[in-house]
Amino acid sequence: MPDILPKAMIFDWDNTLIDSWVTIHHALSVTFQEMGMVPWSLDEAKDRVRASARDSFPAIFGKNTEAATRIFYHTYEASHLDVLTPLNGAKELLDLARSRGIYLAVVSNKQGRILRKEVKHLGWDSLFSQLIGATDAPKDKPDPYVVELALKESGLSAGKDVWFVGDTDIDLICAHNALCYPVLLRPHPPAAGEFLGHAPSQHVSSCHELKELLL
């Protein structure tokens, strides 16, 4: 149990509040095929997709990065809103947090304009004070400046009463870099030594469990 409840909660987006793995994996598969490469399996994609395309694609596609980025986003945007699915309990969690006066924001490595389109499509734009995506800042998550942007106009500074909630190591690294309270939200708990140097202070298995924690 945390020592103090949050004044602000900053959420990752994909696989923390919504499930868009089918669309992400499809767009990656098309991109790999167009680049003459063997596509990752869905499990491989879930294990490897962390950083923004701006940060990760150069290491994957090299001199073809610009073309690969174009193909990926064109493919992703063709269908992402059709299959956009909130995770169970996500909306109820956000509604409770808002009712408690908790400041809410999103920091994602999904391109900012696409993130905002998805949030608006779900009708959740009124729940969040800031929506920060890839390329909205000079550097993407886990750079701590994205947290500073997320807290803009909140009157709050990063600290233990600002919870950073996400499902991957890059979210925990960002939380530690920004001196926030790191919360891991995923079904299985961290394995021994999995997050050396950036361990979560709290693990919850679902949005429902995080909601109960706030209660």
Protein backbone atom coordinates (compact mmCIF):
# COMPACT_ATOMS: atom_id res chain seq x y z
CA MET A 1 0.00 0.00 0.00
CA PRO A 2 1.46 3.41 -0.94
CA ASP A 3 2.20 5.90 1.83
CA ILE A 4 0.17 8.65 0.15
CA LEU A 5 -2.49 8.73 -2.52
CA PRO A 6 -1.82 10.72 -5.68
CA LYS A 7 -2.55 14.33 -6.46
CA ALA A 8 -1.81 13.52 -10.12
CA MET A 9 -1.73 10.38 -12.23
CA ILE A 10 0.16 10.21 -15.51
CA PHE A 11 -0.79 7.20 -17.64
CA ASP A 12 0.84 5.41 -20.49
CA TRP A 13 -1.74 4.74 -23.22
CA ASP A 14 -1.23 1.50 -25.18
CA ASN A 15 -1.74 -1.64 -23.09
CA THR A 16 -2.27 0.49 -19.97
CA LEU A 17 -5.64 2.09 -20.73
CA ILE A 18 -6.40 0.71 -24.20
CA ASP A 19 -5.61 -2.40 -26.23
CA SER A 20 -4.34 -1.58 -29.71
CA TRP A 21 -1.88 -4.43 -30.15
CA VAL A 22 -3.72 -5.93 -33.13
CA THR A 23 -3.39 -2.69 -35.08
CA ILE A 24 0.19 -2.02 -33.99
CA HIS A 25 1.25 -5.54 -34.92
CA HIS A 26 -0.51 -5.38 -38.29
CA ALA A 27 1.13 -2.05 -39.14
CA LEU A 28 4.54 -3.37 -38.11
CA SER A 29 4.05 -6.54 -40.15
CA VAL A 30 3.15 -4.58 -43.29
CA THR A 31 6.15 -2.31 -42.73
CA PHE A 32 8.56 -5.21 -42.28
CA GLN A 33 7.20 -6.93 -45.39
CA GLU A 34 7.51 -3.75 -47.48
CA MET A 35 11.10 -3.41 -46.28
CA GLY A 36 11.85 -7.03 -47.26
CA MET A 37 12.22 -8.14 -43.64
CA VAL A 38 10.70 -11.00 -41.64
CA PRO A 39 7.85 -9.63 -39.49
CA TRP A 40 7.82 -10.05 -35.73
CA SER A 41 5.23 -12.29 -34.16
CA LEU A 42 2.63 -10.67 -31.94
CA ASP A 43 4.49 -11.84 -28.83
CA GLU A 44 7.76 -10.46 -30.19
CA ALA A 45 6.10 -7.12 -30.89
CA LYS A 46 4.68 -6.96 -27.37
CA ASP A 47 8.12 -7.73 -25.97
CA ARG A 48 10.06 -5.28 -28.17
CA VAL A 49 7.83 -2.27 -28.77
CA ARG A 50 8.78 0.31 -26.16
CA ALA A 51 10.33 3.47 -27.57
CA SER A 52 8.76 5.85 -30.07
CA ALA A 53 9.17 5.26 -33.79
CA ARG A 54 11.46 8.30 -33.84
CA ASP A 55 13.80 6.59 -31.38
CA SER A 56 13.42 2.92 -32.37
CA PHE A 57 13.00 2.82 -36.16
CA PRO A 58 16.55 3.98 -37.09
CA ALA A 59 18.05 0.94 -35.33
CA ILE A 60 15.55 -1.39 -37.06
CA PHE A 61 15.33 0.04 -40.57
CA GLY A 62 18.54 2.04 -40.97
CA LYS A 63 18.61 4.07 -44.18
CA ASN A 64 14.99 3.08 -44.86
CA THR A 65 13.72 4.69 -41.66
CA GLU A 66 11.84 7.52 -43.37
CA ALA A 67 10.02 5.17 -45.77
CA ALA A 68 9.29 2.66 -42.99
CA THR A 69 7.86 5.39 -40.77
CA ARG A 70 5.57 6.52 -43.59
CA ILE A 71 4.32 2.99 -44.27
CA PHE A 72 3.79 2.21 -40.59
CA TYR A 73 1.67 5.27 -39.85
CA HIS A 74 -0.29 5.03 -43.10
CA THR A 75 -1.17 1.40 -42.29
CA TYR A 76 -1.91 2.07 -38.63
CA GLU A 77 -4.19 5.04 -39.27
CA ALA A 78 -6.20 3.14 -41.88
CA SER A 79 -7.96 1.08 -39.20
CA HIS A 80 -6.90 2.03 -35.67
CA LEU A 81 -10.15 3.73 -34.66
CA ASP A 82 -12.23 0.76 -35.84
CA VAL A 83 -10.65 -1.63 -33.34
CA LEU A 84 -9.71 0.74 -30.53
CA THR A 85 -10.64 -1.07 -27.31
CA PRO A 86 -10.46 0.28 -23.74
CA LEU A 87 -9.07 -2.16 -21.21
CA ASN A 88 -11.56 -3.48 -18.67
CA GLY A 89 -12.16 -0.96 -15.91
CA ALA A 90 -10.15 1.83 -17.52
CA LYS A 91 -13.02 4.31 -17.85
CA GLU A 92 -14.27 3.58 -14.32
CA LEU A 93 -10.75 4.13 -12.97
CA LEU A 94 -10.44 7.48 -14.73
CA ASP A 95 -13.91 8.59 -13.64
CA LEU A 96 -13.11 7.78 -10.01
CA ALA A 97 -9.79 9.60 -10.15
CA ARG A 98 -11.44 12.69 -11.61
CA SER A 99 -14.18 12.57 -8.97
CA ARG A 100 -11.45 12.60 -6.32
CA GLY A 101 -9.91 15.72 -7.85
CA ILE A 102 -6.84 13.88 -9.15
CA TYR A 103 -5.11 15.61 -12.06
CA LEU A 104 -4.92 13.23 -15.06
CA ALA A 105 -2.57 13.21 -18.04
CA VAL A 106 -1.23 10.78 -20.63
CA VAL A 107 2.39 10.38 -21.71
CA SER A 108 2.70 7.99 -24.65
CA ASN A 109 5.28 7.09 -27.25
CA LYS A 110 2.48 6.99 -29.80
CA GLN A 111 2.64 9.99 -32.12
CA GLY A 112 0.92 12.90 -30.40
CA ARG A 113 -1.66 13.68 -33.07
CA ILE A 114 -2.71 10.01 -33.23
CA LEU A 115 -2.90 9.77 -29.44
CA ARG A 116 -5.20 12.79 -29.29
CA LYS A 117 -7.36 11.40 -32.09
CA GLU A 118 -7.81 8.12 -30.20
CA VAL A 119 -8.62 9.83 -26.90
CA LYS A 120 -11.21 12.01 -28.64
CA HIS A 121 -12.71 9.01 -30.45
CA LEU A 122 -13.37 7.35 -27.09
CA GLY A 123 -14.88 10.57 -25.72
CA TRP A 124 -12.22 10.71 -23.02
CA ASP A 125 -10.69 14.07 -23.94
CA SER A 126 -12.52 15.83 -21.09
CA LEU A 127 -10.91 13.49 -18.55
CA PHE A 128 -7.30 14.50 -19.24
CA SER A 129 -5.63 17.86 -18.74
CA GLN A 130 -2.64 17.02 -20.95
CA LEU A 131 -2.04 14.46 -23.71
CA ILE A 132 1.65 14.19 -24.53
CA GLY A 133 2.75 11.92 -27.36
CA ALA A 134 5.85 11.22 -29.39
CA THR A 135 7.37 14.29 -31.11
CA ASP A 136 5.45 16.68 -28.81
CA ALA A 137 8.73 17.29 -26.96
CA PRO A 138 12.35 17.49 -28.14
CA LYS A 139 12.84 13.96 -26.78
CA ASP A 140 10.30 11.21 -26.14
CA LYS A 141 9.65 9.03 -23.10
CA PRO A 142 11.65 8.16 -20.95
CA ASP A 143 13.07 11.69 -21.04
CA PRO A 144 11.76 13.38 -17.87
CA TYR A 145 10.79 16.56 -19.70
CA VAL A 146 7.64 14.82 -20.98
CA VAL A 147 6.47 14.61 -17.35
CA GLU A 148 7.10 18.33 -16.94
CA LEU A 149 4.91 18.93 -19.99
CA ALA A 150 2.24 16.59 -18.65
CA LEU A 151 2.07 18.55 -15.39
CA LYS A 152 1.93 21.90 -17.14
CA GLU A 153 -0.75 24.16 -15.63
CA SER A 154 -1.39 21.65 -12.83
CA GLY A 155 0.44 23.62 -10.18
CA LEU A 156 2.20 20.37 -9.23
CA SER A 157 5.80 19.27 -9.40
CA ALA A 158 6.94 15.72 -10.00
CA GLY A 159 7.25 13.76 -6.78
CA LYS A 160 5.85 10.82 -4.86
CA ASP A 161 2.32 12.25 -5.02
CA VAL A 162 2.51 12.07 -8.85
CA TRP A 163 1.95 8.48 -9.96
CA PHE A 164 3.30 7.35 -13.31
CA VAL A 165 1.31 4.30 -14.42
CA GLY A 166 2.45 2.04 -17.25
CA ASP A 167 3.00 -1.53 -18.37
CA THR A 168 6.64 -1.59 -19.52
CA ASP A 169 10.18 -0.85 -18.41
CA ILE A 170 10.28 2.43 -20.33
CA ASP A 171 7.37 3.74 -18.23
CA LEU A 172 9.15 2.83 -15.01
CA ILE A 173 12.39 4.38 -16.24
CA CYS A 174 10.53 7.59 -17.07
CA ALA A 175 8.92 7.60 -13.63
CA HIS A 176 12.30 7.20 -11.94
CA ASN A 177 13.92 9.82 -14.19
CA ALA A 178 11.20 12.32 -13.25
CA LEU A 179 11.19 11.32 -9.54
CA CYS A 180 7.55 10.21 -9.71
CA TYR A 181 5.93 7.22 -7.98
CA PRO A 182 6.25 4.30 -10.45
CA VAL A 183 3.23 2.01 -10.80
CA LEU A 184 3.38 -1.13 -12.96
CA LEU A 185 -0.01 -2.08 -14.39
CA ARG A 186 -0.04 -5.51 -16.02
CA PRO A 187 -1.49 -8.93 -15.19
CA HIS A 188 1.73 -10.57 -13.97
CA PRO A 189 3.99 -9.17 -11.24
CA PRO A 190 7.61 -8.25 -11.93
CA ALA A 191 10.05 -11.13 -11.99
CA ALA A 192 13.07 -11.12 -9.73
CA GLY A 193 15.62 -8.68 -11.14
CA GLU A 194 13.40 -7.70 -14.08
CA PHE A 195 13.52 -3.98 -13.46
CA LEU A 196 16.94 -3.46 -11.91
CA GLY A 197 17.47 0.21 -11.13
CA HIS A 198 13.91 1.19 -11.97
CA ALA A 199 11.67 -1.16 -10.02
CA PRO A 200 8.00 -0.29 -9.54
CA SER A 201 6.94 0.97 -6.13
CA GLN A 202 3.52 -0.60 -6.72
CA HIS A 203 2.21 -3.39 -8.93
CA VAL A 204 -1.46 -3.74 -9.87
CA SER A 205 -2.81 -6.44 -12.16
CA SER A 206 -5.60 -4.39 -13.74
CA CYS A 207 -7.39 -1.07 -13.88
CA HIS A 208 -9.92 -2.54 -11.45
CA GLU A 209 -7.19 -3.23 -8.90
CA LEU A 210 -5.77 0.28 -9.28
CA LYS A 211 -9.26 1.69 -8.76
CA GLU A 212 -9.59 -0.32 -5.53
CA LEU A 213 -6.25 1.06 -4.41
CA LEU A 214 -7.57 4.60 -4.83
CA LEU A 215 -10.64 3.67 -2.81
